């Protein structure tokens, strides 16, 4: 019923920046955590960044110091600021919202990020 709409992907040169956004079409109650996964060609899906309802964050080792996850004024909005992008960051990025108990998840449609060398 609730959809997560992603935006901000695109083509960028190495060293550049992109800001991904993810927003729910309706209010999501009882959010536990939000974040971003990515899937690169020939690679397994991996967690890029997550943030809990209390503000704690977790990042993949490969993006620490370069990516920053944050939430908006509303709890059903999440951003991913990506700086110093590398070609190995090329992937489809999916946002998620984990909510309720027992926990359930909504997923975004995915947005392509391509970093050229």
C-alpha atoms as a PDB file:
ATOM      1  CA  UNK A   1       0.000   0.000   0.000  1.00  0.00           C
ATOM      2  CA  UNK A   2       2.823   2.388   0.883  1.00  0.00           C
ATOM      3  CA  UNK A   3       5.375   2.988  -1.850  1.00  0.00           C
ATOM      4  CA  UNK A   4       8.919   4.243  -1.394  1.00  0.00           C
ATOM      5  CA  UNK A   5       9.881   6.606  -4.193  1.00  0.00           C
ATOM      6  CA  UNK A   6      13.589   7.004  -4.898  1.00  0.00           C
ATOM      7  CA  UNK A   7      15.320   9.790  -6.781  1.00  0.00           C
ATOM      8  CA  UNK A   8      18.758  11.280  -7.278  1.00  0.00           C
ATOM      9  CA  UNK A   9      20.565   8.563  -9.170  1.00  0.00           C
ATOM     10  CA  UNK A  10      22.451   9.181 -12.362  1.00  0.00           C
ATOM     11  CA  UNK A  11      25.786   9.233 -14.111  1.00  0.00           C
ATOM     12  CA  UNK A  12      28.698  10.965 -12.432  1.00  0.00           C
ATOM     13  CA  UNK A  13      32.464  11.045 -12.853  1.00  0.00           C
ATOM     14  CA  UNK A  14      34.773   9.553 -10.260  1.00  0.00           C
ATOM     15  CA  UNK A  15      35.287  11.962  -7.393  1.00  0.00           C
ATOM     16  CA  UNK A  16      31.872  13.503  -7.832  1.00  0.00           C
ATOM     17  CA  UNK A  17      28.833  13.487  -5.579  1.00  0.00           C
ATOM     18  CA  UNK A  18      25.226  12.395  -5.665  1.00  0.00           C
ATOM     19  CA  UNK A  19      22.402  12.678  -3.156  1.00  0.00           C
ATOM     20  CA  UNK A  20      19.786   9.948  -3.127  1.00  0.00           C
ATOM     21  CA  UNK A  21      16.347  10.534  -1.663  1.00  0.00           C
ATOM     22  CA  UNK A  22      13.669   8.091  -0.575  1.00  0.00           C
ATOM     23  CA  UNK A  23      10.203   9.142   0.548  1.00  0.00           C
ATOM     24  CA  UNK A  24       7.101   7.195   1.430  1.00  0.00           C
ATOM     25  CA  UNK A  25       3.885   8.042  -0.361  1.00  0.00           C
ATOM     26  CA  UNK A  26       2.003   7.737   2.918  1.00  0.00           C
ATOM     27  CA  UNK A  27       2.908   8.031   6.580  1.00  0.00           C
ATOM     28  CA  UNK A  28       4.733   4.977   7.917  1.00  0.00           C
ATOM     29  CA  UNK A  29       4.164   4.285  11.595  1.00  0.00           C
ATOM     30  CA  UNK A  30       6.451   2.596  14.080  1.00  0.00           C
ATOM     31  CA  UNK A  31       9.625   2.809  12.028  1.00  0.00           C
ATOM     32  CA  UNK A  32      12.488   0.737  13.411  1.00  0.00           C
ATOM     33  CA  UNK A  33      15.182   1.518  10.866  1.00  0.00           C
ATOM     34  CA  UNK A  34      15.744   2.894   7.390  1.00  0.00           C
ATOM     35  CA  UNK A  35      18.594   2.566   4.968  1.00  0.00           C
ATOM     36  CA  UNK A  36      20.078   1.649   1.629  1.00  0.00           C
ATOM     37  CA  UNK A  37      21.214  -1.521  -0.080  1.00  0.00           C
ATOM     38  CA  UNK A  38      22.965  -1.763  -3.403  1.00  0.00           C
ATOM     39  CA  UNK A  39      23.484  -4.438  -6.024  1.00  0.00           C
ATOM     40  CA  UNK A  40      26.369  -4.108  -8.448  1.00  0.00           C
ATOM     41  CA  UNK A  41      26.757  -6.181 -11.623  1.00  0.00           C
ATOM     42  CA  UNK A  42      28.156  -9.583 -10.742  1.00  0.00           C
ATOM     43  CA  UNK A  43      28.061  -8.809  -7.027  1.00  0.00           C
ATOM     44  CA  UNK A  44      25.901  -9.809  -4.074  1.00  0.00           C
ATOM     45  CA  UNK A  45      23.463  -7.321  -2.626  1.00  0.00           C
ATOM     46  CA  UNK A  46      25.030  -5.485   0.295  1.00  0.00           C
ATOM     47  CA  UNK A  47      23.930  -3.107   2.993  1.00  0.00           C
ATOM     48  CA  UNK A  48      25.415   0.313   2.316  1.00  0.00           C
ATOM     49  CA  UNK A  49      24.064   2.334   5.221  1.00  0.00           C
ATOM     50  CA  UNK A  50      21.390   2.070   7.868  1.00  0.00           C
ATOM     51  CA  UNK A  51      19.945   4.334  10.519  1.00  0.00           C
ATOM     52  CA  UNK A  52      17.776   3.386  13.488  1.00  0.00           C
ATOM     53  CA  UNK A  53      14.824   5.295  14.854  1.00  0.00           C
ATOM     54  CA  UNK A  54      17.118   6.529  17.625  1.00  0.00           C
ATOM     55  CA  UNK A  55      19.678   7.895  15.182  1.00  0.00           C
ATOM     56  CA  UNK A  56      22.342   5.219  15.327  1.00  0.00           C
ATOM     57  CA  UNK A  57      24.079   4.596  12.011  1.00  0.00           C
ATOM     58  CA  UNK A  58      25.958   1.770  10.357  1.00  0.00           C
ATOM     59  CA  UNK A  59      27.987   1.841   7.143  1.00  0.00           C
ATOM     60  CA  UNK A  60      29.674  -0.660   4.919  1.00  0.00           C
ATOM     61  CA  UNK A  61      33.433  -0.451   5.369  1.00  0.00           C
ATOM     62  CA  UNK A  62      33.875   0.496   1.730  1.00  0.00           C
ATOM     63  CA  UNK A  63      31.830   3.696   2.078  1.00  0.00           C
ATOM     64  CA  UNK A  64      32.801   4.917   5.542  1.00  0.00           C
ATOM     65  CA  UNK A  65      33.952   8.508   5.436  1.00  0.00           C
ATOM     66  CA  UNK A  66      32.410   9.067   2.000  1.00  0.00           C
ATOM     67  CA  UNK A  67      28.675   8.397   2.424  1.00  0.00           C
ATOM     68  CA  UNK A  68      26.303   9.900   4.979  1.00  0.00           C
ATOM     69  CA  UNK A  69      22.819   8.649   5.758  1.00  0.00           C
ATOM     70  CA  UNK A  70      20.240  10.955   7.280  1.00  0.00           C
ATOM     71  CA  UNK A  71      16.508  11.327   7.792  1.00  0.00           C
ATOM     72  CA  UNK A  72      14.294  14.264   6.994  1.00  0.00           C
ATOM     73  CA  UNK A  73      11.919  16.162   9.221  1.00  0.00           C
ATOM     74  CA  UNK A  74       9.404  13.402   8.638  1.00  0.00           C
ATOM     75  CA  UNK A  75      10.344   9.923   9.768  1.00  0.00           C
ATOM     76  CA  UNK A  76       9.480   8.325   6.441  1.00  0.00           C
ATOM     77  CA  UNK A  77      12.144  10.180   4.459  1.00  0.00           C
ATOM     78  CA  UNK A  78      15.746   9.058   4.182  1.00  0.00           C
ATOM     79  CA  UNK A  79      18.715  10.436   2.258  1.00  0.00           C
ATOM     80  CA  UNK A  80      22.094   9.145   1.218  1.00  0.00           C
ATOM     81  CA  UNK A  81      24.760  11.747   0.518  1.00  0.00           C
ATOM     82  CA  UNK A  82      27.504  10.135  -1.556  1.00  0.00           C
ATOM     83  CA  UNK A  83      30.803  11.965  -1.931  1.00  0.00           C
ATOM     84  CA  UNK A  84      34.123  11.004  -3.501  1.00  0.00           C
ATOM     85  CA  UNK A  85      32.363   8.456  -5.657  1.00  0.00           C
ATOM     86  CA  UNK A  86      34.358   5.604  -7.149  1.00  0.00           C
ATOM     87  CA  UNK A  87      33.618   3.366 -10.128  1.00  0.00           C
ATOM     88  CA  UNK A  88      33.115   0.462  -7.717  1.00  0.00           C
ATOM     89  CA  UNK A  89      30.133   2.351  -6.265  1.00  0.00           C
ATOM     90  CA  UNK A  90      28.278   1.699  -9.511  1.00  0.00           C
ATOM     91  CA  UNK A  91      25.125  -0.232  -8.631  1.00  0.00           C
ATOM     92  CA  UNK A  92      21.390  -0.107  -8.326  1.00  0.00           C
ATOM     93  CA  UNK A  93      20.568   1.411  -4.951  1.00  0.00           C
ATOM     94  CA  UNK A  94      17.446   0.376  -3.037  1.00  0.00           C
ATOM     95  CA  UNK A  95      16.061   2.119   0.010  1.00  0.00           C
ATOM     96  CA  UNK A  96      14.133   0.299   2.708  1.00  0.00           C
ATOM     97  CA  UNK A  97      12.045   1.061   5.755  1.00  0.00           C
ATOM     98  CA  UNK A  98      11.768  -1.515   8.526  1.00  0.00           C
ATOM     99  CA  UNK A  99       8.729  -1.006  10.707  1.00  0.00           C
ATOM    100  CA  UNK A 100       6.397  -2.538  13.250  1.00  0.00           C
ATOM    101  CA  UNK A 101       6.514  -5.682  15.301  1.00  0.00           C
ATOM    102  CA  UNK A 102       7.002  -8.304  14.168  1.00  0.00           C
ATOM    103  CA  UNK A 103       9.133  -6.280  11.744  1.00  0.00           C
ATOM    104  CA  UNK A 104       8.147  -5.794   8.130  1.00  0.00           C
ATOM    105  CA  UNK A 105       9.769  -3.862   5.323  1.00  0.00           C
ATOM    106  CA  UNK A 106       8.960  -1.595   2.416  1.00  0.00           C
ATOM    107  CA  UNK A 107      11.396  -1.305  -0.475  1.00  0.00           C
ATOM    108  CA  UNK A 108      12.024   1.346  -3.082  1.00  0.00           C
ATOM    109  CA  UNK A 109      12.005   0.644  -6.799  1.00  0.00           C
ATOM    110  CA  UNK A 110      15.756   1.126  -7.133  1.00  0.00           C
ATOM    111  CA  UNK A 111      17.774   3.913  -8.684  1.00  0.00           C
ATOM    112  CA  UNK A 112      20.818   3.453 -10.902  1.00  0.00           C
ATOM    113  CA  UNK A 113      24.095   5.061  -9.876  1.00  0.00           C
ATOM    114  CA  UNK A 114      26.863   4.909 -12.459  1.00  0.00           C
ATOM    115  CA  UNK A 115      30.331   6.270 -11.725  1.00  0.00           C
ATOM    116  CA  UNK A 116      32.686   6.632 -14.665  1.00  0.00           C
ATOM    117  CA  UNK A 117      36.457   6.492 -14.337  1.00  0.00           C
END
